[in-house]
Protein backbone atom coordinates (compact mmCIF):
# COMPACT_ATOMS: atom_id res chain seq x y z
CA MET A 1 168.19 144.40 16.29
CA LYS A 2 168.85 148.06 17.06
CA ASN A 3 172.26 149.75 16.69
CA LEU A 4 173.51 146.90 14.57
CA ASP A 5 176.12 149.20 13.02
CA ILE A 6 177.70 149.91 16.42
CA ARG A 7 177.57 146.28 17.45
CA GLN A 8 179.18 145.18 14.18
CA GLU A 9 181.93 147.82 14.33
CA ALA A 10 182.83 146.75 17.86
CA LYS A 11 182.88 143.08 16.89
CA THR A 12 185.02 143.73 13.82
CA ALA A 13 187.47 145.76 15.91
CA GLY A 14 187.60 143.03 18.57
CA ILE A 15 186.20 145.38 21.20
CA LYS A 16 183.76 144.13 23.83
CA LEU A 17 180.66 146.16 24.71
CA TRP A 18 181.79 146.38 28.35
CA GLN A 19 184.96 148.13 27.16
CA ILE A 20 182.88 150.75 25.34
CA ALA A 21 180.72 151.20 28.45
CA GLU A 22 183.86 151.73 30.51
CA GLY A 23 185.01 154.34 28.00
CA LEU A 24 181.66 156.10 28.36
CA GLY A 25 181.94 155.93 32.14
CA ILE A 26 178.78 153.86 32.61
CA ASN A 27 177.90 150.36 33.78
CA ASP A 28 177.94 147.72 31.04
CA GLY A 29 174.34 146.75 31.86
CA ASN A 30 173.23 150.33 31.34
CA PHE A 31 175.05 150.45 28.01
CA SER A 32 173.38 147.23 26.87
CA ARG A 33 170.00 148.69 27.77
CA ARG A 34 170.81 151.86 25.80
CA LEU A 35 171.52 149.74 22.76
CA ARG A 36 167.96 148.38 22.81
CA ARG A 37 166.73 151.61 21.23
CA GLU A 38 168.32 153.33 18.26
CA LEU A 39 170.85 155.88 19.49
CA PRO A 40 171.08 159.45 18.22
CA GLU A 41 173.83 160.03 15.64
CA GLU A 42 175.92 162.24 17.98
CA GLU A 43 176.07 159.44 20.56
CA LYS A 44 177.02 156.93 17.87
CA THR A 45 179.84 159.25 16.82
CA ARG A 46 181.12 159.34 20.39
CA ILE A 47 180.95 155.53 20.63
CA ARG A 48 182.79 155.16 17.31
CA SER A 49 185.60 157.37 18.59
CA ILE A 50 185.86 155.19 21.72
CA ILE A 51 186.02 152.08 19.52
CA GLU A 52 188.85 153.65 17.51
CA GLU A 53 190.75 154.64 20.67
CA LEU A 54 190.43 151.14 22.11
CA LYS A 55 191.45 149.56 18.81
CA GLU A 56 194.58 151.73 18.57
CA ALA A 57 195.48 151.01 22.20
CA ALA A 58 195.26 147.27 21.56
CA GLN A 59 197.77 147.40 18.70
């Protein structure tokens, strides 16, 4: 499975993929399709920052 690191980080943080998609300003279906191929490191960094923001907001 591609982007397993992103998927695992989101799951560990209790963040749903649709929440990340919303943070990116895209449809959740489009985000799921993006995850089918390995993402560039700069995009993963952006996604990780969204995960952190969502995790902090949930606390």
